[in-house]
Amino acid sequence: MIMAIDWTILDKIQSMLSSGFMDWLMPRITMLGNAGAIWIVIGVVLLISKKHRKIGFLVLVGLLLGLIIGNGILKNLVARPRPCWLDTEFNMLISVPKDYSFPSGHTQASVIAATIITLYRKEWGWIVIPLAAGIAFSRLYLYVHFPTDVLGGAVLGVIIGMATYYAGNRIISAFIAKKQNRGEIL
């Protein structure tokens, strides 16, 4: 039942949205999410800024946790084939990924970073949430993930992002308070 819905959604995306412009745009959008690249860059830029260092650190920690949990554990545990592995007639616009499909790592990394950044500064959500959604959608358009892979990546991304943000803030605040009590931080 769920697989039938997944295939129907993928087919609808192709029949309704496929165009030369989308075929040009989607590989470029998905490339931003390759290995979490855009989110790592954003995390490092925030880390460099003294004012936003803590949030940059939390974004990078969240991405690392997502890599371990999603790509390292869940993908291999679930071992779900990708749509492009099952339907080899589809005209691929990017190279066929070698790892398993569930959860979508691009989506998971994007949602982790977007969640942490938006919890830190709500107004930044207007930038990072559409970017994360675009990267997630590109995975469907490019036929490398099923909708439930993207949904699973998004749910996992919110959980990891929120846990990293709230637990990380507590740990960092306790660490700073301890240093201040010792007189190590003025």
C-alpha atoms as a PDB file:
ATOM      1  CA  MET A   1       0.000   0.000   0.000  1.00  0.00           C
ATOM      2  CA  ILE A   2       2.648   2.534   1.041  1.00  0.00           C
ATOM      3  CA  MET A   3       4.908   1.549  -1.863  1.00  0.00           C
ATOM      4  CA  ALA A   4       2.000   2.091  -4.252  1.00  0.00           C
ATOM      5  CA  ILE A   5       1.498   5.598  -2.840  1.00  0.00           C
ATOM      6  CA  ASP A   6       5.255   6.273  -3.118  1.00  0.00           C
ATOM      7  CA  TRP A   7       5.287   5.267  -6.793  1.00  0.00           C
ATOM      8  CA  THR A   8       2.121   7.265  -7.518  1.00  0.00           C
ATOM      9  CA  ILE A   9       3.635  10.427  -6.018  1.00  0.00           C
ATOM     10  CA  LEU A  10       6.882   9.983  -7.947  1.00  0.00           C
ATOM     11  CA  ASP A  11       4.940   9.454 -11.178  1.00  0.00           C
ATOM     12  CA  LYS A  12       2.765  12.538 -10.510  1.00  0.00           C
ATOM     13  CA  ILE A  13       5.833  14.693  -9.879  1.00  0.00           C
ATOM     14  CA  GLN A  14       7.279  13.610 -13.212  1.00  0.00           C
ATOM     15  CA  SER A  15       4.041  13.954 -15.195  1.00  0.00           C
ATOM     16  CA  MET A  16       3.134  17.356 -13.739  1.00  0.00           C
ATOM     17  CA  LEU A  17       6.484  19.094 -13.245  1.00  0.00           C
ATOM     18  CA  SER A  18       8.995  17.607 -15.641  1.00  0.00           C
ATOM     19  CA  SER A  19      10.450  20.298 -17.899  1.00  0.00           C
ATOM     20  CA  GLY A  20      13.740  21.471 -19.314  1.00  0.00           C
ATOM     21  CA  PHE A  21      13.988  24.157 -16.641  1.00  0.00           C
ATOM     22  CA  MET A  22      13.328  21.704 -13.790  1.00  0.00           C
ATOM     23  CA  ASP A  23      15.778  19.227 -15.346  1.00  0.00           C
ATOM     24  CA  TRP A  24      18.377  22.001 -15.193  1.00  0.00           C
ATOM     25  CA  LEU A  25      17.445  23.345 -11.740  1.00  0.00           C
ATOM     26  CA  MET A  26      16.936  20.209  -9.631  1.00  0.00           C
ATOM     27  CA  PRO A  27      20.464  18.739 -10.045  1.00  0.00           C
ATOM     28  CA  ARG A  28      21.885  22.106  -8.953  1.00  0.00           C
ATOM     29  CA  ILE A  29      19.643  22.303  -5.904  1.00  0.00           C
ATOM     30  CA  THR A  30      20.400  18.713  -4.897  1.00  0.00           C
ATOM     31  CA  MET A  31      24.133  19.412  -5.285  1.00  0.00           C
ATOM     32  CA  LEU A  32      23.871  21.943  -2.441  1.00  0.00           C
ATOM     33  CA  GLY A  33      22.909  19.051  -0.171  1.00  0.00           C
ATOM     34  CA  ASN A  34      25.603  16.619  -1.346  1.00  0.00           C
ATOM     35  CA  ALA A  35      27.389  15.445   1.820  1.00  0.00           C
ATOM     36  CA  GLY A  36      25.562  18.250   3.650  1.00  0.00           C
ATOM     37  CA  ALA A  37      27.862  20.729   1.865  1.00  0.00           C
ATOM     38  CA  ILE A  38      25.775  23.902   2.112  1.00  0.00           C
ATOM     39  CA  TRP A  39      24.940  23.192   5.757  1.00  0.00           C
ATOM     40  CA  ILE A  40      28.560  22.503   6.654  1.00  0.00           C
ATOM     41  CA  VAL A  41      29.573  25.784   5.016  1.00  0.00           C
ATOM     42  CA  ILE A  42      26.838  27.639   6.921  1.00  0.00           C
ATOM     43  CA  GLY A  43      27.875  25.923  10.176  1.00  0.00           C
ATOM     44  CA  VAL A  44      31.527  26.882   9.654  1.00  0.00           C
ATOM     45  CA  VAL A  45      30.622  30.497   8.775  1.00  0.00           C
ATOM     46  CA  LEU A  46      28.538  30.720  11.954  1.00  0.00           C
ATOM     47  CA  LEU A  47      31.347  29.078  13.929  1.00  0.00           C
ATOM     48  CA  ILE A  48      33.829  31.713  12.737  1.00  0.00           C
ATOM     49  CA  SER A  49      31.583  34.526  13.964  1.00  0.00           C
ATOM     50  CA  LYS A  50      32.037  35.019  17.719  1.00  0.00           C
ATOM     51  CA  LYS A  51      28.417  36.184  18.019  1.00  0.00           C
ATOM     52  CA  HIS A  52      27.047  33.004  16.408  1.00  0.00           C
ATOM     53  CA  ARG A  53      29.786  30.509  17.334  1.00  0.00           C
ATOM     54  CA  LYS A  54      27.592  28.391  19.579  1.00  0.00           C
ATOM     55  CA  ILE A  55      24.929  27.862  16.916  1.00  0.00           C
ATOM     56  CA  GLY A  56      27.555  27.060  14.287  1.00  0.00           C
ATOM     57  CA  PHE A  57      28.970  24.431  16.617  1.00  0.00           C
ATOM     58  CA  LEU A  58      25.509  22.968  17.247  1.00  0.00           C
ATOM     59  CA  VAL A  59      24.748  22.799  13.501  1.00  0.00           C
ATOM     60  CA  LEU A  60      27.975  20.864  12.915  1.00  0.00           C
ATOM     61  CA  VAL A  61      27.312  18.529  15.858  1.00  0.00           C
ATOM     62  CA  GLY A  62      23.751  17.930  14.625  1.00  0.00           C
ATOM     63  CA  LEU A  63      25.027  17.101  11.142  1.00  0.00           C
ATOM     64  CA  LEU A  64      27.554  14.659  12.603  1.00  0.00           C
ATOM     65  CA  LEU A  65      24.835  12.963  14.671  1.00  0.00           C
ATOM     66  CA  GLY A  66      22.643  12.734  11.566  1.00  0.00           C
ATOM     67  CA  LEU A  67      25.473  11.179   9.583  1.00  0.00           C
ATOM     68  CA  ILE A  68      26.001   8.534  12.248  1.00  0.00           C
ATOM     69  CA  ILE A  69      22.331   7.774  12.918  1.00  0.00           C
ATOM     70  CA  GLY A  70      20.816   8.153   9.446  1.00  0.00           C
ATOM     71  CA  ASN A  71      23.546   7.270   7.003  1.00  0.00           C
ATOM     72  CA  GLY A  72      25.669   5.044   9.210  1.00  0.00           C
ATOM     73  CA  ILE A  73      23.012   3.032  11.020  1.00  0.00           C
ATOM     74  CA  LEU A  74      19.495   3.370   9.568  1.00  0.00           C
ATOM     75  CA  LYS A  75      20.329   3.209   5.847  1.00  0.00           C
ATOM     76  CA  ASN A  76      22.202  -0.058   6.343  1.00  0.00           C
ATOM     77  CA  LEU A  77      19.660  -1.458   8.792  1.00  0.00           C
ATOM     78  CA  VAL A  78      16.628  -0.768   6.572  1.00  0.00           C
ATOM     79  CA  ALA A  79      18.541  -1.447   3.306  1.00  0.00           C
ATOM     80  CA  ARG A  80      15.762  -0.047   1.122  1.00  0.00           C
ATOM     81  CA  PRO A  81      16.475   0.084  -2.622  1.00  0.00           C
ATOM     82  CA  ARG A  82      16.194   3.410  -4.409  1.00  0.00           C
ATOM     83  CA  PRO A  83      13.490   4.052  -7.015  1.00  0.00           C
ATOM     84  CA  CYS A  84      16.152   4.431  -9.711  1.00  0.00           C
ATOM     85  CA  TRP A  85      17.492   0.963  -8.844  1.00  0.00           C
ATOM     86  CA  LEU A  86      14.057  -0.561  -9.293  1.00  0.00           C
ATOM     87  CA  ASP A  87      13.021   1.404 -12.390  1.00  0.00           C
ATOM     88  CA  THR A  88      16.177   1.395 -14.491  1.00  0.00           C
ATOM     89  CA  GLU A  89      14.324   2.893 -17.480  1.00  0.00           C
ATOM     90  CA  PHE A  90      14.130   6.329 -15.814  1.00  0.00           C
ATOM     91  CA  ASN A  91      16.345   8.935 -17.514  1.00  0.00           C
ATOM     92  CA  MET A  92      18.696   9.936 -14.669  1.00  0.00           C
ATOM     93  CA  LEU A  93      19.882  13.542 -14.480  1.00  0.00           C
ATOM     94  CA  ILE A  94      22.496  12.784 -11.803  1.00  0.00           C
ATOM     95  CA  SER A  95      24.665   9.771 -11.126  1.00  0.00           C
ATOM     96  CA  VAL A  96      22.912   6.846  -9.486  1.00  0.00           C
ATOM     97  CA  PRO A  97      23.684   6.808  -5.731  1.00  0.00           C
ATOM     98  CA  LYS A  98      25.385   3.683  -4.389  1.00  0.00           C
ATOM     99  CA  ASP A  99      23.978   3.716  -0.836  1.00  0.00           C
ATOM    100  CA  TYR A 100      20.490   2.732   0.303  1.00  0.00           C
ATOM    101  CA  SER A 101      17.443   4.955   0.160  1.00  0.00           C
ATOM    102  CA  PHE A 102      15.905   5.239   3.663  1.00  0.00           C
ATOM    103  CA  PRO A 103      16.162   7.806   5.168  1.00  0.00           C
ATOM    104  CA  SER A 104      17.055  10.568   2.730  1.00  0.00           C
ATOM    105  CA  GLY A 105      20.400  11.897   3.952  1.00  0.00           C
ATOM    106  CA  HIS A 106      20.045  15.133   1.973  1.00  0.00           C
ATOM    107  CA  THR A 107      16.677  15.780   3.608  1.00  0.00           C
ATOM    108  CA  GLN A 108      17.821  14.746   7.052  1.00  0.00           C
ATOM    109  CA  ALA A 109      20.910  17.000   7.008  1.00  0.00           C
ATOM    110  CA  SER A 110      18.899  19.906   5.602  1.00  0.00           C
ATOM    111  CA  VAL A 111      16.170  19.593   8.223  1.00  0.00           C
ATOM    112  CA  ILE A 112      18.679  19.179  11.070  1.00  0.00           C
ATOM    113  CA  ALA A 113      20.447  22.396  10.108  1.00  0.00           C
ATOM    114  CA  ALA A 114      17.235  24.291   9.334  1.00  0.00           C
ATOM    115  CA  THR A 115      15.697  23.227  12.668  1.00  0.00           C
ATOM    116  CA  ILE A 116      18.714  24.298  14.728  1.00  0.00           C
ATOM    117  CA  ILE A 117      19.122  27.589  12.861  1.00  0.00           C
ATOM    118  CA  THR A 118      15.400  28.420  13.047  1.00  0.00           C
ATOM    119  CA  LEU A 119      15.248  27.638  16.773  1.00  0.00           C
ATOM    120  CA  TYR A 120      18.197  30.008  17.218  1.00  0.00           C
ATOM    121  CA  ARG A 121      16.800  32.819  15.059  1.00  0.00           C
ATOM    122  CA  LYS A 122      13.220  32.483  13.839  1.00  0.00           C
ATOM    123  CA  GLU A 123      13.727  35.108  11.133  1.00  0.00           C
ATOM    124  CA  TRP A 124      16.515  33.024   9.574  1.00  0.00           C
ATOM    125  CA  GLY A 125      13.922  30.306   9.052  1.00  0.00           C
ATOM    126  CA  TRP A 126      12.587  32.274   6.067  1.00  0.00           C
ATOM    127  CA  ILE A 127      15.848  31.416   4.296  1.00  0.00           C
ATOM    128  CA  VAL A 128      16.836  27.979   5.583  1.00  0.00           C
ATOM    129  CA  ILE A 129      13.423  26.277   5.569  1.00  0.00           C
ATOM    130  CA  PRO A 130      12.720  26.891   1.845  1.00  0.00           C
ATOM    131  CA  LEU A 131      16.287  25.829   1.040  1.00  0.00           C
ATOM    132  CA  ALA A 132      15.829  22.595   3.023  1.00  0.00           C
ATOM    133  CA  ALA A 133      12.449  21.966   1.357  1.00  0.00           C
ATOM    134  CA  GLY A 134      13.960  22.551  -2.088  1.00  0.00           C
ATOM    135  CA  ILE A 135      16.769  20.095  -1.441  1.00  0.00           C
ATOM    136  CA  ALA A 136      14.282  17.512  -0.113  1.00  0.00           C
ATOM    137  CA  PHE A 137      11.990  17.935  -3.138  1.00  0.00           C
ATOM    138  CA  SER A 138      14.922  17.638  -5.541  1.00  0.00           C
ATOM    139  CA  ARG A 139      15.523  14.105  -4.280  1.00  0.00           C
ATOM    140  CA  LEU A 140      12.010  13.124  -5.388  1.00  0.00           C
ATOM    141  CA  TYR A 141      12.222  14.911  -8.719  1.00  0.00           C
ATOM    142  CA  LEU A 142      15.567  13.273  -9.468  1.00  0.00           C
ATOM    143  CA  TYR A 143      14.092   9.818  -8.707  1.00  0.00           C
ATOM    144  CA  VAL A 144      16.675   8.881  -6.088  1.00  0.00           C
ATOM    145  CA  HIS A 145      14.269   8.698  -3.117  1.00  0.00           C
ATOM    146  CA  PHE A 146      10.739   7.614  -2.402  1.00  0.00           C
ATOM    147  CA  PRO A 147       8.459  10.143  -0.640  1.00  0.00           C
ATOM    148  CA  THR A 148       8.580   8.043   2.547  1.00  0.00           C
ATOM    149  CA  ASP A 149      12.412   8.272   2.465  1.00  0.00           C
ATOM    150  CA  VAL A 150      12.127  12.053   2.391  1.00  0.00           C
ATOM    151  CA  LEU A 151       9.441  12.047   5.084  1.00  0.00           C
ATOM    152  CA  GLY A 152      11.581   9.760   7.265  1.00  0.00           C
ATOM    153  CA  GLY A 153      14.607  12.013   6.746  1.00  0.00           C
ATOM    154  CA  ALA A 154      12.553  15.077   7.663  1.00  0.00           C
ATOM    155  CA  VAL A 155      11.104  13.533  10.838  1.00  0.00           C
ATOM    156  CA  LEU A 156      14.508  12.264  11.915  1.00  0.00           C
ATOM    157  CA  GLY A 157      16.005  15.646  11.053  1.00  0.00           C
ATOM    158  CA  VAL A 158      13.538  17.505  13.287  1.00  0.00           C
ATOM    159  CA  ILE A 159      14.168  15.085  16.168  1.00  0.00           C
ATOM    160  CA  ILE A 160      17.968  15.286  15.881  1.00  0.00           C
ATOM    161  CA  GLY A 161      17.861  19.047  15.292  1.00  0.00           C
ATOM    162  CA  MET A 162      15.692  19.734  18.339  1.00  0.00           C
ATOM    163  CA  ALA A 163      17.632  17.340  20.565  1.00  0.00           C
ATOM    164  CA  THR A 164      20.935  18.870  19.476  1.00  0.00           C
ATOM    165  CA  TYR A 165      19.693  22.407  19.986  1.00  0.00           C
ATOM    166  CA  TYR A 166      18.157  21.927  23.424  1.00  0.00           C
ATOM    167  CA  ALA A 167      20.658  19.433  24.881  1.00  0.00           C
ATOM    168  CA  GLY A 168      23.585  21.270  23.296  1.00  0.00           C
ATOM    169  CA  ASN A 169      22.520  24.609  24.760  1.00  0.00           C
ATOM    170  CA  ARG A 170      22.227  23.053  28.229  1.00  0.00           C
ATOM    171  CA  ILE A 171      25.624  21.383  27.996  1.00  0.00           C
ATOM    172  CA  ILE A 172      27.345  24.508  26.675  1.00  0.00           C
ATOM    173  CA  SER A 173      25.665  26.746  29.288  1.00  0.00           C
ATOM    174  CA  ALA A 174      26.711  24.374  32.092  1.00  0.00           C
ATOM    175  CA  PHE A 175      30.264  24.279  30.722  1.00  0.00           C
ATOM    176  CA  ILE A 176      30.449  28.089  30.556  1.00  0.00           C
ATOM    177  CA  ALA A 177      28.960  28.453  34.065  1.00  0.00           C
ATOM    178  CA  LYS A 178      31.539  26.006  35.421  1.00  0.00           C
ATOM    179  CA  LYS A 179      34.368  27.959  33.758  1.00  0.00           C
ATOM    180  CA  GLN A 180      32.979  31.242  35.120  1.00  0.00           C
ATOM    181  CA  ASN A 181      32.773  29.822  38.644  1.00  0.00           C
ATOM    182  CA  ARG A 182      36.440  28.884  38.398  1.00  0.00           C
ATOM    183  CA  GLY A 183      37.262  32.379  37.143  1.00  0.00           C
ATOM    184  CA  GLU A 184      38.511  31.020  33.818  1.00  0.00           C
ATOM    185  CA  ILE A 185      36.039  33.072  31.756  1.00  0.00           C
ATOM    186  CA  LEU A 186      35.560  36.735  32.436  1.00  0.00           C
END
